[in-house]
Amino acid sequence: VVAGTLAMPVRRYARYTVIGAVVWALVYVGLGSAASAAVRGSAHLLGPTVTAVAVSGLAVALVVRTVHRRRAARAEAAEASVPTPGRRG
């Protein structure tokens, strides 16, 4: 769209598109290869790391849930203890 709006010649557009595609492919494959090598080199740590992250996430979720429930209970208790105007009791 931008190339058409700027009236860029097709040959110039095609040249930059090919260059961009080749660079993108090389970077994408290079990063994938590097990540693969890193995982292979540290595969023995992958299981414990995933387990630790999962357990930590579960612990955080439980703490957040408990805090939320306690705050809600306190708010209900505070609301129930406030006298309503016009009512005697």
N, C-alpha and C. Protein backbone atom coordinates (compact mmCIF):
# COMPACT_ATOMS: atom_id res chain seq x y z
N VAL A 1 0.84 -1.18 0.00
CA VAL A 1 0.00 0.00 0.00
C VAL A 1 0.88 1.24 0.00
N VAL A 2 1.89 1.26 0.86
CA VAL A 2 2.76 2.43 0.94
C VAL A 2 3.56 2.58 -0.36
N ALA A 3 4.05 1.46 -0.89
CA ALA A 3 4.81 1.53 -2.14
C ALA A 3 3.94 2.06 -3.27
N GLY A 4 2.68 1.62 -3.32
CA GLY A 4 1.77 2.11 -4.36
C GLY A 4 1.44 3.58 -4.16
N THR A 5 1.24 3.98 -2.93
CA THR A 5 0.92 5.37 -2.64
C THR A 5 2.08 6.28 -3.00
N LEU A 6 3.29 5.83 -2.76
CA LEU A 6 4.46 6.64 -3.08
C LEU A 6 4.92 6.48 -4.52
N ALA A 7 4.20 5.68 -5.29
CA ALA A 7 4.53 5.42 -6.69
C ALA A 7 5.95 4.88 -6.85
N MET A 8 6.32 3.94 -5.97
CA MET A 8 7.64 3.32 -6.04
C MET A 8 7.68 2.38 -7.24
N PRO A 9 8.75 2.43 -8.02
CA PRO A 9 8.87 1.53 -9.16
C PRO A 9 8.86 0.06 -8.71
N VAL A 10 8.27 -0.80 -9.53
CA VAL A 10 8.11 -2.21 -9.18
C VAL A 10 9.46 -2.87 -8.97
N ARG A 11 10.44 -2.59 -9.80
CA ARG A 11 11.75 -3.21 -9.67
C ARG A 11 12.41 -2.84 -8.33
N ARG A 12 12.31 -1.60 -7.98
CA ARG A 12 12.89 -1.16 -6.70
C ARG A 12 12.16 -1.84 -5.53
N TYR A 13 10.85 -1.87 -5.60
CA TYR A 13 10.06 -2.51 -4.56
C TYR A 13 10.41 -4.00 -4.45
N ALA A 14 10.51 -4.68 -5.58
CA ALA A 14 10.82 -6.11 -5.59
C ALA A 14 12.22 -6.35 -5.02
N ARG A 15 13.18 -5.50 -5.37
CA ARG A 15 14.54 -5.66 -4.87
C ARG A 15 14.57 -5.55 -3.34
N TYR A 16 13.92 -4.54 -2.78
CA TYR A 16 13.91 -4.38 -1.33
C TYR A 16 13.08 -5.47 -0.64
N THR A 17 12.06 -5.95 -1.31
CA THR A 17 11.27 -7.03 -0.74
C THR A 17 12.09 -8.31 -0.66
N VAL A 18 12.83 -8.61 -1.70
CA VAL A 18 13.68 -9.81 -1.69
C VAL A 18 14.78 -9.68 -0.63
N ILE A 19 15.42 -8.53 -0.57
CA ILE A 19 16.47 -8.32 0.44
C ILE A 19 15.87 -8.48 1.85
N GLY A 20 14.73 -7.88 2.10
CA GLY A 20 14.08 -7.98 3.40
C GLY A 20 13.70 -9.41 3.73
N ALA A 21 13.17 -10.14 2.77
CA ALA A 21 12.77 -11.53 3.00
C ALA A 21 13.97 -12.41 3.31
N VAL A 22 15.08 -12.21 2.60
CA VAL A 22 16.28 -13.00 2.84
C VAL A 22 16.86 -12.69 4.21
N VAL A 23 16.93 -11.42 4.57
CA VAL A 23 17.45 -11.05 5.89
C VAL A 23 16.54 -11.60 6.98
N TRP A 24 15.23 -11.47 6.82
CA TRP A 24 14.29 -11.99 7.80
C TRP A 24 14.45 -13.51 7.97
N ALA A 25 14.56 -14.22 6.88
CA ALA A 25 14.71 -15.68 6.94
C ALA A 25 16.01 -16.06 7.64
N LEU A 26 17.11 -15.38 7.33
CA LEU A 26 18.38 -15.69 7.96
C LEU A 26 18.34 -15.42 9.46
N VAL A 27 17.76 -14.29 9.85
CA VAL A 27 17.66 -13.97 11.28
C VAL A 27 16.74 -14.96 11.98
N TYR A 28 15.61 -15.28 11.37
CA TYR A 28 14.63 -16.19 11.97
C TYR A 28 15.24 -17.58 12.16
N VAL A 29 15.89 -18.09 11.13
CA VAL A 29 16.51 -19.41 11.21
C VAL A 29 17.70 -19.37 12.17
N GLY A 30 18.48 -18.32 12.14
CA GLY A 30 19.62 -18.19 13.04
C GLY A 30 19.19 -18.17 14.50
N LEU A 31 18.16 -17.39 14.82
CA LEU A 31 17.67 -17.35 16.20
C LEU A 31 17.08 -18.69 16.62
N GLY A 32 16.38 -19.35 15.71
CA GLY A 32 15.84 -20.67 16.01
C GLY A 32 16.93 -21.68 16.26
N SER A 33 17.97 -21.61 15.47
CA SER A 33 19.10 -22.52 15.65
C SER A 33 19.81 -22.26 16.97
N ALA A 34 20.00 -21.00 17.30
CA ALA A 34 20.65 -20.66 18.57
C ALA A 34 19.79 -21.10 19.75
N ALA A 35 18.49 -20.91 19.66
CA ALA A 35 17.59 -21.34 20.73
C ALA A 35 17.61 -22.85 20.87
N SER A 36 17.65 -23.55 19.75
CA SER A 36 17.70 -25.02 19.78
C SER A 36 18.98 -25.50 20.44
N ALA A 37 20.08 -24.88 20.11
CA ALA A 37 21.36 -25.27 20.71
C ALA A 37 21.35 -24.98 22.21
N ALA A 38 20.74 -23.86 22.60
CA ALA A 38 20.69 -23.51 24.03
C ALA A 38 19.82 -24.50 24.78
N VAL A 39 18.70 -24.90 24.18
CA VAL A 39 17.82 -25.87 24.84
C VAL A 39 18.50 -27.22 24.94
N ARG A 40 19.17 -27.64 23.89
CA ARG A 40 19.88 -28.93 23.93
C ARG A 40 20.97 -28.91 24.98
N GLY A 41 21.63 -27.79 25.13
CA GLY A 41 22.72 -27.69 26.11
C GLY A 41 22.22 -27.65 27.55
N SER A 42 21.00 -27.21 27.73
CA SER A 42 20.47 -27.11 29.09
C SER A 42 19.17 -27.89 29.25
N ALA A 43 19.03 -28.97 28.51
CA ALA A 43 17.80 -29.77 28.56
C ALA A 43 17.59 -30.38 29.94
N HIS A 44 18.67 -30.68 30.63
CA HIS A 44 18.53 -31.26 31.96
C HIS A 44 17.91 -30.29 32.96
N LEU A 45 17.93 -28.99 32.65
CA LEU A 45 17.33 -27.99 33.53
C LEU A 45 15.89 -27.66 33.15
N LEU A 46 15.45 -28.12 31.99
CA LEU A 46 14.14 -27.73 31.49
C LEU A 46 13.01 -28.24 32.37
N GLY A 47 13.04 -29.50 32.75
CA GLY A 47 11.97 -30.06 33.58
C GLY A 47 11.85 -29.38 34.92
N PRO A 48 12.94 -29.26 35.67
CA PRO A 48 12.84 -28.57 36.96
C PRO A 48 12.43 -27.09 36.84
N THR A 49 12.87 -26.44 35.79
CA THR A 49 12.52 -25.03 35.60
C THR A 49 11.03 -24.88 35.34
N VAL A 50 10.50 -25.70 34.45
CA VAL A 50 9.06 -25.64 34.15
C VAL A 50 8.25 -25.97 35.40
N THR A 51 8.69 -26.96 36.16
CA THR A 51 7.99 -27.32 37.38
C THR A 51 8.03 -26.16 38.38
N ALA A 52 9.18 -25.54 38.54
CA ALA A 52 9.30 -24.42 39.48
C ALA A 52 8.42 -23.25 39.07
N VAL A 53 8.37 -22.96 37.79
CA VAL A 53 7.52 -21.86 37.31
C VAL A 53 6.05 -22.19 37.54
N ALA A 54 5.64 -23.42 37.27
CA ALA A 54 4.25 -23.82 37.47
C ALA A 54 3.87 -23.77 38.95
N VAL A 55 4.72 -24.28 39.81
CA VAL A 55 4.43 -24.26 41.25
C VAL A 55 4.39 -22.83 41.77
N SER A 56 5.31 -21.99 41.32
CA SER A 56 5.32 -20.59 41.74
C SER A 56 4.06 -19.87 41.28
N GLY A 57 3.65 -20.13 40.06
CA GLY A 57 2.41 -19.52 39.55
C GLY A 57 1.20 -19.96 40.34
N LEU A 58 1.14 -21.23 40.68
CA LEU A 58 0.03 -21.74 41.49
C LEU A 58 0.04 -21.10 42.88
N ALA A 59 1.21 -20.98 43.48
CA ALA A 59 1.31 -20.36 44.81
C ALA A 59 0.86 -18.90 44.77
N VAL A 60 1.28 -18.17 43.76
CA VAL A 60 0.86 -16.77 43.64
C VAL A 60 -0.65 -16.69 43.45
N ALA A 61 -1.21 -17.56 42.63
CA ALA A 61 -2.66 -17.56 42.41
C ALA A 61 -3.40 -17.84 43.70
N LEU A 62 -2.92 -18.79 44.49
CA LEU A 62 -3.57 -19.11 45.76
C LEU A 62 -3.48 -17.95 46.75
N VAL A 63 -2.33 -17.29 46.82
CA VAL A 63 -2.18 -16.16 47.72
C VAL A 63 -3.12 -15.02 47.30
N VAL A 64 -3.17 -14.72 46.01
CA VAL A 64 -4.04 -13.66 45.52
C VAL A 64 -5.50 -14.00 45.83
N ARG A 65 -5.87 -15.24 45.62
CA ARG A 65 -7.25 -15.66 45.89
C ARG A 65 -7.58 -15.52 47.37
N THR A 66 -6.67 -15.94 48.24
CA THR A 66 -6.89 -15.84 49.68
C THR A 66 -7.01 -14.39 50.12
N VAL A 67 -6.12 -13.54 49.65
CA VAL A 67 -6.17 -12.12 50.00
C VAL A 67 -7.47 -11.50 49.51
N HIS A 68 -7.88 -11.84 48.31
CA HIS A 68 -9.12 -11.30 47.75
C HIS A 68 -10.32 -11.72 48.60
N ARG A 69 -10.37 -12.98 48.98
CA ARG A 69 -11.49 -13.47 49.79
C ARG A 69 -11.50 -12.81 51.17
N ARG A 70 -10.34 -12.64 51.79
CA ARG A 70 -10.28 -12.01 53.10
C ARG A 70 -10.73 -10.55 53.03
N ARG A 71 -10.31 -9.85 51.99
CA ARG A 71 -10.73 -8.45 51.83
C ARG A 71 -12.23 -8.35 51.61
N ALA A 72 -12.78 -9.28 50.82
CA ALA A 72 -14.22 -9.28 50.58
C ALA A 72 -14.97 -9.57 51.87
N ALA A 73 -14.46 -10.50 52.69
CA ALA A 73 -15.12 -10.83 53.96
C ALA A 73 -15.05 -9.64 54.91
N ARG A 74 -13.93 -8.95 54.96
CA ARG A 74 -13.80 -7.76 55.81
C ARG A 74 -14.76 -6.66 55.35
N ALA A 75 -14.87 -6.48 54.06
CA ALA A 75 -15.76 -5.46 53.53
C ALA A 75 -17.21 -5.78 53.88
N GLU A 76 -17.58 -7.05 53.78
CA GLU A 76 -18.94 -7.45 54.15
C GLU A 76 -19.18 -7.23 55.63
N ALA A 77 -18.22 -7.59 56.46
CA ALA A 77 -18.36 -7.42 57.90
C ALA A 77 -18.46 -5.94 58.26
N ALA A 78 -17.65 -5.12 57.63
CA ALA A 78 -17.69 -3.68 57.90
C ALA A 78 -19.01 -3.09 57.44
N GLU A 79 -19.51 -3.55 56.32
CA GLU A 79 -20.78 -3.06 55.79
C GLU A 79 -21.94 -3.48 56.68
N ALA A 80 -21.88 -4.66 57.23
CA ALA A 80 -22.95 -5.16 58.08
C ALA A 80 -22.96 -4.46 59.43
N SER A 81 -21.81 -3.97 59.89
CA SER A 81 -21.75 -3.33 61.20
C SER A 81 -22.10 -1.86 61.18
N VAL A 82 -22.23 -1.26 60.01
CA VAL A 82 -22.57 0.15 59.90
C VAL A 82 -24.08 0.28 60.09
N PRO A 83 -24.51 1.11 61.07
CA PRO A 83 -25.96 1.27 61.29
C PRO A 83 -26.59 2.03 60.12
N THR A 84 -27.78 1.63 59.76
CA THR A 84 -28.52 2.27 58.69
C THR A 84 -29.38 3.38 59.27
N PRO A 85 -29.33 4.58 58.71
CA PRO A 85 -30.15 5.68 59.24
C PRO A 85 -31.63 5.35 59.15
N GLY A 86 -32.36 5.67 60.21
CA GLY A 86 -33.80 5.43 60.21
C GLY A 86 -34.19 4.10 60.77
N ARG A 87 -33.25 3.24 61.01
CA ARG A 87 -33.55 1.93 61.58
C ARG A 87 -33.06 1.88 63.02
N ARG A 88 -33.84 1.27 63.81
CA ARG A 88 -33.44 1.08 65.20
C ARG A 88 -33.25 -0.40 65.42
N GLY A 89 -32.25 -0.71 66.14
CA GLY A 89 -32.06 -2.13 66.32
C GLY A 89 -31.14 -2.46 67.35
